[in-house]
């Protein structure tokens, strides 16, 4: 399962497990520092914010050419553009710095972080991520706009593949469609498939015509079976498969030009 829905709010499972692990860290740190009346919630919050800002800045610098075309998108973190290992490194340096500046924090902070890491490890998140990344192309039966049956495997033709789950009523899907459309025209070595979720051929085709999108491999999934097969109820969801049909990465939410470029780079690195 890639996401969970809490009423109108949809959250990635990995983000939810990370939040729970941070709560465990805060709780253990509170208990460890209770005698000295020292808490670590503020430190953990600052650590998270500093790490996120650093990870975002490095990602923007890495893909600055894409952001240059629309500078305001640098602030839109919904595209998931973060350089993960930069964030981890900055978080560790921040914790070491705070412990050096305030010795009373060292014990509760160390115990809290160890508990958080242990909670993350035991939550099943690392194993779940590895299993997800080994997943093959789903064998769900789909249809073209013309009504012909097909599958993702038949369309992949031995190339890396990007599979986008979308619907015309979905605002984030509409925002990212120009980016994906341009990428399909540009990336001849990658197969793009646009799998409409739950709408008829007339509705899907009318939307694409009205917006003047010229796409190939527009498919229909009237029963939303593909979303169920990959464990995602969120739209848009975009999956990235290598030439052997193995899942390399996935993205829930709107893709920016930069975040899409970073995912495609992974496909190229895997392929070549």
C-alpha atoms as a PDB file:
ATOM      1  CA  UNK A   1       0.000   0.000   0.000  1.00  0.00           C
ATOM      2  CA  UNK A   2       1.443   3.382  -1.035  1.00  0.00           C
ATOM      3  CA  UNK A   3      -0.990   5.681   0.737  1.00  0.00           C
ATOM      4  CA  UNK A   4      -3.715   5.841   3.362  1.00  0.00           C
ATOM      5  CA  UNK A   5      -6.763   8.098   3.387  1.00  0.00           C
ATOM      6  CA  UNK A   6      -7.832   9.844   6.584  1.00  0.00           C
ATOM      7  CA  UNK A   7     -11.088  11.481   5.554  1.00  0.00           C
ATOM      8  CA  UNK A   8     -10.230  14.059   2.874  1.00  0.00           C
ATOM      9  CA  UNK A   9      -6.510  13.807   3.693  1.00  0.00           C
ATOM     10  CA  UNK A  10      -4.326  11.380   1.778  1.00  0.00           C
ATOM     11  CA  UNK A  11      -0.888  10.560   3.140  1.00  0.00           C
ATOM     12  CA  UNK A  12       1.898   8.360   1.910  1.00  0.00           C
ATOM     13  CA  UNK A  13       2.454   5.369   4.180  1.00  0.00           C
ATOM     14  CA  UNK A  14       6.195   6.103   4.361  1.00  0.00           C
ATOM     15  CA  UNK A  15       5.498   9.660   5.570  1.00  0.00           C
ATOM     16  CA  UNK A  16       3.029   8.416   8.166  1.00  0.00           C
ATOM     17  CA  UNK A  17       5.526   5.881   9.523  1.00  0.00           C
ATOM     18  CA  UNK A  18       8.217   8.564   9.661  1.00  0.00           C
ATOM     19  CA  UNK A  19       5.892  10.847  11.637  1.00  0.00           C
ATOM     20  CA  UNK A  20       5.114   8.017  14.082  1.00  0.00           C
ATOM     21  CA  UNK A  21       8.838   7.294  14.473  1.00  0.00           C
ATOM     22  CA  UNK A  22       9.459  10.959  15.318  1.00  0.00           C
ATOM     23  CA  UNK A  23       6.692  10.781  17.939  1.00  0.00           C
ATOM     24  CA  UNK A  24       8.410   7.756  19.477  1.00  0.00           C
ATOM     25  CA  UNK A  25      11.714   9.668  19.497  1.00  0.00           C
ATOM     26  CA  UNK A  26      10.066  12.648  21.191  1.00  0.00           C
ATOM     27  CA  UNK A  27       8.406  10.433  23.804  1.00  0.00           C
ATOM     28  CA  UNK A  28      11.572   8.534  24.718  1.00  0.00           C
ATOM     29  CA  UNK A  29      13.568  11.782  24.786  1.00  0.00           C
ATOM     30  CA  UNK A  30      10.986  13.304  27.131  1.00  0.00           C
ATOM     31  CA  UNK A  31      11.255  10.364  29.532  1.00  0.00           C
ATOM     32  CA  UNK A  32      15.057  10.389  29.399  1.00  0.00           C
ATOM     33  CA  UNK A  33      15.240  14.111  30.182  1.00  0.00           C
ATOM     34  CA  UNK A  34      12.417  14.251  32.701  1.00  0.00           C
ATOM     35  CA  UNK A  35      14.670  14.603  35.775  1.00  0.00           C
ATOM     36  CA  UNK A  36      16.508  17.537  34.266  1.00  0.00           C
ATOM     37  CA  UNK A  37      13.226  18.852  32.834  1.00  0.00           C
ATOM     38  CA  UNK A  38      14.709  18.705  29.367  1.00  0.00           C
ATOM     39  CA  UNK A  39      12.624  17.914  26.301  1.00  0.00           C
ATOM     40  CA  UNK A  40      13.745  17.315  22.754  1.00  0.00           C
ATOM     41  CA  UNK A  41      10.585  18.196  20.823  1.00  0.00           C
ATOM     42  CA  UNK A  42      11.869  21.644  19.877  1.00  0.00           C
ATOM     43  CA  UNK A  43      15.223  20.202  18.820  1.00  0.00           C
ATOM     44  CA  UNK A  44      13.584  17.493  16.703  1.00  0.00           C
ATOM     45  CA  UNK A  45      11.324  20.063  15.059  1.00  0.00           C
ATOM     46  CA  UNK A  46      14.269  22.332  14.260  1.00  0.00           C
ATOM     47  CA  UNK A  47      16.278  19.345  12.998  1.00  0.00           C
ATOM     48  CA  UNK A  48      13.465  18.361  10.648  1.00  0.00           C
ATOM     49  CA  UNK A  49      12.986  21.884   9.304  1.00  0.00           C
ATOM     50  CA  UNK A  50      16.714  22.474   8.739  1.00  0.00           C
ATOM     51  CA  UNK A  51      17.073  19.095   7.013  1.00  0.00           C
ATOM     52  CA  UNK A  52      14.080  19.734   4.734  1.00  0.00           C
ATOM     53  CA  UNK A  53      15.316  23.198   3.750  1.00  0.00           C
ATOM     54  CA  UNK A  54      18.815  21.887   2.998  1.00  0.00           C
ATOM     55  CA  UNK A  55      17.482  18.925   1.019  1.00  0.00           C
ATOM     56  CA  UNK A  56      15.208  21.222  -0.993  1.00  0.00           C
ATOM     57  CA  UNK A  57      17.957  23.767  -1.723  1.00  0.00           C
ATOM     58  CA  UNK A  58      20.349  21.111  -2.985  1.00  0.00           C
ATOM     59  CA  UNK A  59      17.646  19.546  -5.156  1.00  0.00           C
ATOM     60  CA  UNK A  60      16.776  22.951  -6.664  1.00  0.00           C
ATOM     61  CA  UNK A  61      20.459  23.605  -7.417  1.00  0.00           C
ATOM     62  CA  UNK A  62      20.817  20.172  -9.032  1.00  0.00           C
ATOM     63  CA  UNK A  63      17.838  20.768 -11.328  1.00  0.00           C
ATOM     64  CA  UNK A  64      18.023  24.523 -11.613  1.00  0.00           C
ATOM     65  CA  UNK A  65      17.614  24.512 -15.399  1.00  0.00           C
ATOM     66  CA  UNK A  66      14.114  23.055 -15.002  1.00  0.00           C
ATOM     67  CA  UNK A  67      13.144  25.459 -12.210  1.00  0.00           C
ATOM     68  CA  UNK A  68      14.551  28.439 -14.134  1.00  0.00           C
ATOM     69  CA  UNK A  69      11.641  28.139 -16.577  1.00  0.00           C
ATOM     70  CA  UNK A  70       9.130  28.617 -13.729  1.00  0.00           C
ATOM     71  CA  UNK A  71      10.990  30.079 -10.706  1.00  0.00           C
ATOM     72  CA  UNK A  72       7.946  30.119  -8.412  1.00  0.00           C
ATOM     73  CA  UNK A  73       7.838  26.318  -8.493  1.00  0.00           C
ATOM     74  CA  UNK A  74      10.990  26.270  -6.367  1.00  0.00           C
ATOM     75  CA  UNK A  75       8.705  26.980  -3.399  1.00  0.00           C
ATOM     76  CA  UNK A  76       6.164  24.297  -4.276  1.00  0.00           C
ATOM     77  CA  UNK A  77       7.427  21.354  -2.245  1.00  0.00           C
ATOM     78  CA  UNK A  78       4.414  19.262  -3.292  1.00  0.00           C
ATOM     79  CA  UNK A  79       6.538  18.027  -6.196  1.00  0.00           C
ATOM     80  CA  UNK A  80       8.585  15.981  -3.707  1.00  0.00           C
ATOM     81  CA  UNK A  81      11.870  17.504  -4.845  1.00  0.00           C
ATOM     82  CA  UNK A  82      14.303  16.793  -1.991  1.00  0.00           C
ATOM     83  CA  UNK A  83      17.858  15.472  -2.058  1.00  0.00           C
ATOM     84  CA  UNK A  84      17.405  12.744   0.548  1.00  0.00           C
ATOM     85  CA  UNK A  85      20.983  12.113   1.631  1.00  0.00           C
ATOM     86  CA  UNK A  86      21.676  15.824   2.010  1.00  0.00           C
ATOM     87  CA  UNK A  87      18.746  15.994   4.403  1.00  0.00           C
ATOM     88  CA  UNK A  88      20.014  13.023   6.427  1.00  0.00           C
ATOM     89  CA  UNK A  89      23.531  14.452   6.619  1.00  0.00           C
ATOM     90  CA  UNK A  90      22.350  17.915   7.670  1.00  0.00           C
ATOM     91  CA  UNK A  91      20.040  16.404  10.304  1.00  0.00           C
ATOM     92  CA  UNK A  92      22.948  14.490  11.862  1.00  0.00           C
ATOM     93  CA  UNK A  93      25.206  17.554  11.840  1.00  0.00           C
ATOM     94  CA  UNK A  94      22.466  19.643  13.433  1.00  0.00           C
ATOM     95  CA  UNK A  95      21.979  17.109  16.230  1.00  0.00           C
ATOM     96  CA  UNK A  96      25.728  16.959  16.898  1.00  0.00           C
ATOM     97  CA  UNK A  97      25.893  20.756  16.982  1.00  0.00           C
ATOM     98  CA  UNK A  98      22.992  21.059  19.420  1.00  0.00           C
ATOM     99  CA  UNK A  99      24.476  18.379  21.665  1.00  0.00           C
ATOM    100  CA  UNK A 100      27.834  20.157  21.653  1.00  0.00           C
ATOM    101  CA  UNK A 101      26.223  23.517  22.483  1.00  0.00           C
ATOM    102  CA  UNK A 102      23.961  22.094  25.192  1.00  0.00           C
ATOM    103  CA  UNK A 103      25.425  19.050  26.979  1.00  0.00           C
ATOM    104  CA  UNK A 104      22.230  18.423  28.993  1.00  0.00           C
ATOM    105  CA  UNK A 105      20.527  17.487  25.724  1.00  0.00           C
ATOM    106  CA  UNK A 106      22.993  14.754  24.798  1.00  0.00           C
ATOM    107  CA  UNK A 107      21.488  11.827  26.701  1.00  0.00           C
ATOM    108  CA  UNK A 108      17.770  12.419  25.941  1.00  0.00           C
ATOM    109  CA  UNK A 109      18.577  13.337  22.338  1.00  0.00           C
ATOM    110  CA  UNK A 110      20.721  10.252  21.764  1.00  0.00           C
ATOM    111  CA  UNK A 111      18.201   7.892  23.365  1.00  0.00           C
ATOM    112  CA  UNK A 112      15.286   9.530  21.585  1.00  0.00           C
ATOM    113  CA  UNK A 113      16.898   9.322  18.162  1.00  0.00           C
ATOM    114  CA  UNK A 114      17.964   5.716  18.713  1.00  0.00           C
ATOM    115  CA  UNK A 115      14.385   4.862  19.689  1.00  0.00           C
ATOM    116  CA  UNK A 116      13.064   6.669  16.606  1.00  0.00           C
ATOM    117  CA  UNK A 117      15.442   4.821  14.294  1.00  0.00           C
ATOM    118  CA  UNK A 118      14.513   1.522  15.932  1.00  0.00           C
ATOM    119  CA  UNK A 119      10.802   2.311  15.581  1.00  0.00           C
ATOM    120  CA  UNK A 120      11.303   3.121  11.882  1.00  0.00           C
ATOM    121  CA  UNK A 121      13.235  -0.102  11.330  1.00  0.00           C
ATOM    122  CA  UNK A 122      10.661  -2.232  13.133  1.00  0.00           C
ATOM    123  CA  UNK A 123       7.693  -0.532  11.441  1.00  0.00           C
ATOM    124  CA  UNK A 124       8.355  -2.565   8.311  1.00  0.00           C
ATOM    125  CA  UNK A 125       8.925   0.570   6.240  1.00  0.00           C
ATOM    126  CA  UNK A 126      12.405  -0.371   4.944  1.00  0.00           C
ATOM    127  CA  UNK A 127      11.239  -3.830   3.901  1.00  0.00           C
ATOM    128  CA  UNK A 128       8.045  -2.422   2.415  1.00  0.00           C
ATOM    129  CA  UNK A 129      10.057   0.003   0.281  1.00  0.00           C
ATOM    130  CA  UNK A 130      12.337  -2.779  -0.952  1.00  0.00           C
ATOM    131  CA  UNK A 131       9.352  -4.966  -1.848  1.00  0.00           C
ATOM    132  CA  UNK A 132       7.693  -2.075  -3.673  1.00  0.00           C
ATOM    133  CA  UNK A 133      10.812  -1.433  -5.717  1.00  0.00           C
ATOM    134  CA  UNK A 134      10.915  -5.091  -6.815  1.00  0.00           C
ATOM    135  CA  UNK A 135       7.322  -5.055  -8.021  1.00  0.00           C
ATOM    136  CA  UNK A 136       6.824  -6.012 -11.692  1.00  0.00           C
ATOM    137  CA  UNK A 137       4.523  -4.296 -14.168  1.00  0.00           C
ATOM    138  CA  UNK A 138       0.919  -5.043 -13.128  1.00  0.00           C
ATOM    139  CA  UNK A 139      -0.931  -7.472 -15.398  1.00  0.00           C
ATOM    140  CA  UNK A 140      -4.197  -5.523 -15.289  1.00  0.00           C
ATOM    141  CA  UNK A 141      -6.276  -5.583 -18.497  1.00  0.00           C
ATOM    142  CA  UNK A 142      -6.741  -2.106 -19.947  1.00  0.00           C
ATOM    143  CA  UNK A 143      -8.342  -0.680 -23.077  1.00  0.00           C
ATOM    144  CA  UNK A 144      -7.296   1.997 -25.530  1.00  0.00           C
ATOM    145  CA  UNK A 145      -9.493   4.979 -26.351  1.00  0.00           C
ATOM    146  CA  UNK A 146     -10.588   3.026 -29.424  1.00  0.00           C
ATOM    147  CA  UNK A 147     -11.732   0.134 -27.207  1.00  0.00           C
ATOM    148  CA  UNK A 148      -8.952  -2.340 -28.007  1.00  0.00           C
ATOM    149  CA  UNK A 149      -7.686  -4.477 -25.091  1.00  0.00           C
ATOM    150  CA  UNK A 150      -4.048  -4.150 -24.063  1.00  0.00           C
ATOM    151  CA  UNK A 151      -1.645  -4.424 -21.120  1.00  0.00           C
ATOM    152  CA  UNK A 152       1.267  -2.364 -19.861  1.00  0.00           C
ATOM    153  CA  UNK A 153       3.673  -5.185 -20.693  1.00  0.00           C
ATOM    154  CA  UNK A 154       2.523  -5.200 -24.309  1.00  0.00           C
ATOM    155  CA  UNK A 155       3.104  -1.459 -24.581  1.00  0.00           C
ATOM    156  CA  UNK A 156       6.485  -1.329 -22.875  1.00  0.00           C
ATOM    157  CA  UNK A 157       8.306  -2.947 -25.833  1.00  0.00           C
ATOM    158  CA  UNK A 158      11.399  -3.585 -23.729  1.00  0.00           C
ATOM    159  CA  UNK A 159      11.877   0.091 -22.897  1.00  0.00           C
ATOM    160  CA  UNK A 160      11.845   1.885 -19.543  1.00  0.00           C
ATOM    161  CA  UNK A 161       8.281   2.916 -18.800  1.00  0.00           C
ATOM    162  CA  UNK A 162       6.455   5.758 -17.051  1.00  0.00           C
ATOM    163  CA  UNK A 163       2.879   4.950 -16.024  1.00  0.00           C
ATOM    164  CA  UNK A 164       0.694   7.874 -14.989  1.00  0.00           C
ATOM    165  CA  UNK A 165      -2.655   7.300 -13.251  1.00  0.00           C
ATOM    166  CA  UNK A 166      -4.936  10.286 -13.815  1.00  0.00           C
ATOM    167  CA  UNK A 167      -8.483  11.563 -14.213  1.00  0.00           C
ATOM    168  CA  UNK A 168      -9.884  14.708 -15.824  1.00  0.00           C
ATOM    169  CA  UNK A 169     -11.605  15.793 -12.581  1.00  0.00           C
ATOM    170  CA  UNK A 170      -8.307  15.738 -10.644  1.00  0.00           C
ATOM    171  CA  UNK A 171      -6.706  19.245 -10.356  1.00  0.00           C
ATOM    172  CA  UNK A 172      -3.149  17.962  -9.635  1.00  0.00           C
ATOM    173  CA  UNK A 173      -3.443  15.651 -12.658  1.00  0.00           C
ATOM    174  CA  UNK A 174      -4.357  18.610 -14.827  1.00  0.00           C
ATOM    175  CA  UNK A 175      -1.436  20.665 -13.474  1.00  0.00           C
ATOM    176  CA  UNK A 176       1.172  18.032 -14.276  1.00  0.00           C
ATOM    177  CA  UNK A 177      -0.188  16.900 -17.656  1.00  0.00           C
ATOM    178  CA  UNK A 178       1.737  19.542 -19.687  1.00  0.00           C
ATOM    179  CA  UNK A 179       4.989  18.397 -18.062  1.00  0.00           C
ATOM    180  CA  UNK A 180       4.320  14.744 -18.847  1.00  0.00           C
ATOM    181  CA  UNK A 181       3.114  15.549 -22.363  1.00  0.00           C
ATOM    182  CA  UNK A 182       6.323  17.466 -23.134  1.00  0.00           C
ATOM    183  CA  UNK A 183       8.423  14.641 -21.689  1.00  0.00           C
ATOM    184  CA  UNK A 184       6.694  12.062 -23.893  1.00  0.00           C
ATOM    185  CA  UNK A 185       7.518  14.113 -26.983  1.00  0.00           C
ATOM    186  CA  UNK A 186      11.132  14.525 -25.860  1.00  0.00           C
ATOM    187  CA  UNK A 187      12.007  11.116 -24.362  1.00  0.00           C
ATOM    188  CA  UNK A 188      11.845   8.716 -27.303  1.00  0.00           C
ATOM    189  CA  UNK A 189      13.673   6.002 -25.378  1.00  0.00           C
ATOM    190  CA  UNK A 190      10.995   5.825 -22.672  1.00  0.00           C
ATOM    191  CA  UNK A 191       7.434   4.525 -23.065  1.00  0.00           C
ATOM    192  CA  UNK A 192       4.805   6.733 -21.428  1.00  0.00           C
ATOM    193  CA  UNK A 193       1.341   5.373 -20.618  1.00  0.00           C
ATOM    194  CA  UNK A 194      -1.495   7.576 -19.358  1.00  0.00           C
ATOM    195  CA  UNK A 195      -4.012   5.361 -17.586  1.00  0.00           C
ATOM    196  CA  UNK A 196      -7.299   7.130 -16.927  1.00  0.00           C
ATOM    197  CA  UNK A 197      -9.000   5.994 -13.741  1.00  0.00           C
ATOM    198  CA  UNK A 198     -12.735   5.361 -13.807  1.00  0.00           C
ATOM    199  CA  UNK A 199     -13.800   7.592 -16.696  1.00  0.00           C
ATOM    200  CA  UNK A 200     -15.256   6.769 -20.093  1.00  0.00           C
ATOM    201  CA  UNK A 201     -13.451   7.123 -23.405  1.00  0.00           C
ATOM    202  CA  UNK A 202     -15.678  10.083 -24.306  1.00  0.00           C
ATOM    203  CA  UNK A 203     -14.832  11.983 -21.108  1.00  0.00           C
ATOM    204  CA  UNK A 204     -11.087  11.292 -21.316  1.00  0.00           C
ATOM    205  CA  UNK A 205     -10.838  12.097 -25.027  1.00  0.00           C
ATOM    206  CA  UNK A 206     -12.938  15.259 -24.686  1.00  0.00           C
ATOM    207  CA  UNK A 207     -10.670  16.578 -21.937  1.00  0.00           C
ATOM    208  CA  UNK A 208      -7.487  15.878 -23.910  1.00  0.00           C
ATOM    209  CA  UNK A 209      -8.944  17.476 -27.041  1.00  0.00           C
ATOM    210  CA  UNK A 210     -10.123  20.564 -25.159  1.00  0.00           C
ATOM    211  CA  UNK A 211      -6.684  21.042 -23.624  1.00  0.00           C
ATOM    212  CA  UNK A 212      -4.976  20.242 -26.969  1.00  0.00           C
ATOM    213  CA  UNK A 213      -2.826  17.448 -25.551  1.00  0.00           C
ATOM    214  CA  UNK A 214      -1.446  15.104 -28.201  1.00  0.00           C
ATOM    215  CA  UNK A 215      -0.619  11.937 -26.258  1.00  0.00           C
ATOM    216  CA  UNK A 216       0.079   8.363 -27.254  1.00  0.00           C
ATOM    217  CA  UNK A 217      -0.776   5.346 -25.103  1.00  0.00           C
ATOM    218  CA  UNK A 218      -3.853   6.851 -23.437  1.00  0.00           C
ATOM    219  CA  UNK A 219      -5.555   3.917 -21.723  1.00  0.00           C
ATOM    220  CA  UNK A 220      -8.773   3.366 -19.821  1.00  0.00           C
ATOM    221  CA  UNK A 221      -9.125   1.597 -16.481  1.00  0.00           C
ATOM    222  CA  UNK A 222     -12.840   1.812 -15.842  1.00  0.00           C
ATOM    223  CA  UNK A 223     -12.741  -0.299 -12.699  1.00  0.00           C
ATOM    224  CA  UNK A 224      -9.675   1.468 -11.255  1.00  0.00           C
ATOM    225  CA  UNK A 225      -8.043  -1.960 -11.045  1.00  0.00           C
ATOM    226  CA  UNK A 226      -4.551  -0.602 -11.663  1.00  0.00           C
ATOM    227  CA  UNK A 227      -4.724   1.681  -8.640  1.00  0.00           C
ATOM    228  CA  UNK A 228      -5.843  -1.260  -6.516  1.00  0.00           C
ATOM    229  CA  UNK A 229      -3.083  -3.463  -7.919  1.00  0.00           C
ATOM    230  CA  UNK A 230      -0.343  -1.000  -6.939  1.00  0.00           C
ATOM    231  CA  UNK A 231      -1.944  -0.050  -3.613  1.00  0.00           C
ATOM    232  CA  UNK A 232      -2.681   3.599  -4.385  1.00  0.00           C
ATOM    233  CA  UNK A 233      -5.996   5.406  -4.086  1.00  0.00           C
ATOM    234  CA  UNK A 234      -4.399   8.816  -4.678  1.00  0.00           C
ATOM    235  CA  UNK A 235      -4.353  10.720  -7.963  1.00  0.00           C
ATOM    236  CA  UNK A 236      -2.120  11.444  -9.655  1.00  0.00           C
ATOM    237  CA  UNK A 237       0.214   8.512  -9.084  1.00  0.00           C
ATOM    238  CA  UNK A 238       3.186   8.013 -11.403  1.00  0.00           C
ATOM    239  CA  UNK A 239       5.249   4.817 -11.574  1.00  0.00           C
ATOM    240  CA  UNK A 240       8.702   4.418 -13.106  1.00  0.00           C
ATOM    241  CA  UNK A 241       9.742   0.985 -14.426  1.00  0.00           C
ATOM    242  CA  UNK A 242      13.068  -0.086 -15.875  1.00  0.00           C
ATOM    243  CA  UNK A 243      13.454  -1.931 -19.185  1.00  0.00           C
ATOM    244  CA  UNK A 244      12.949  -5.265 -17.410  1.00  0.00           C
ATOM    245  CA  UNK A 245       9.609  -4.148 -16.014  1.00  0.00           C
ATOM    246  CA  UNK A 246      10.783  -3.635 -12.424  1.00  0.00           C
ATOM    247  CA  UNK A 247       9.562  -0.685 -10.376  1.00  0.00           C
ATOM    248  CA  UNK A 248      12.399   1.790  -9.845  1.00  0.00           C
ATOM    249  CA  UNK A 249      10.508   4.681  -8.252  1.00  0.00           C
ATOM    250  CA  UNK A 250       7.052   6.153  -7.786  1.00  0.00           C
ATOM    251  CA  UNK A 251       5.565   9.549  -7.090  1.00  0.00           C
ATOM    252  CA  UNK A 252       2.266  10.476  -5.462  1.00  0.00           C
ATOM    253  CA  UNK A 253       1.045  13.965  -6.310  1.00  0.00           C
ATOM    254  CA  UNK A 254       1.978  16.556  -8.903  1.00  0.00           C
ATOM    255  CA  UNK A 255       5.243  16.173 -10.793  1.00  0.00           C
ATOM    256  CA  UNK A 256       7.172  19.316 -11.661  1.00  0.00           C
ATOM    257  CA  UNK A 257       9.591  19.432 -14.578  1.00  0.00           C
ATOM    258  CA  UNK A 258      12.456  19.070 -12.100  1.00  0.00           C
ATOM    259  CA  UNK A 259      11.022  16.154 -10.115  1.00  0.00           C
ATOM    260  CA  UNK A 260      10.150  14.335 -13.345  1.00  0.00           C
ATOM    261  CA  UNK A 261      13.659  14.935 -14.696  1.00  0.00           C
ATOM    262  CA  UNK A 262      15.165  13.448 -11.534  1.00  0.00           C
ATOM    263  CA  UNK A 263      13.002  10.328 -11.834  1.00  0.00           C
ATOM    264  CA  UNK A 264      13.806   9.922 -15.530  1.00  0.00           C
ATOM    265  CA  UNK A 265      17.492  10.195 -14.706  1.00  0.00           C
ATOM    266  CA  UNK A 266      17.102   7.172 -12.440  1.00  0.00           C
ATOM    267  CA  UNK A 267      15.543   5.266 -15.331  1.00  0.00           C
ATOM    268  CA  UNK A 268      18.384   6.196 -17.668  1.00  0.00           C
ATOM    269  CA  UNK A 269      20.994   5.241 -15.061  1.00  0.00           C
ATOM    270  CA  UNK A 270      19.272   1.893 -14.508  1.00  0.00           C
ATOM    271  CA  UNK A 271      18.885   1.248 -18.231  1.00  0.00           C
ATOM    272  CA  UNK A 272      22.389   2.127 -19.265  1.00  0.00           C
END
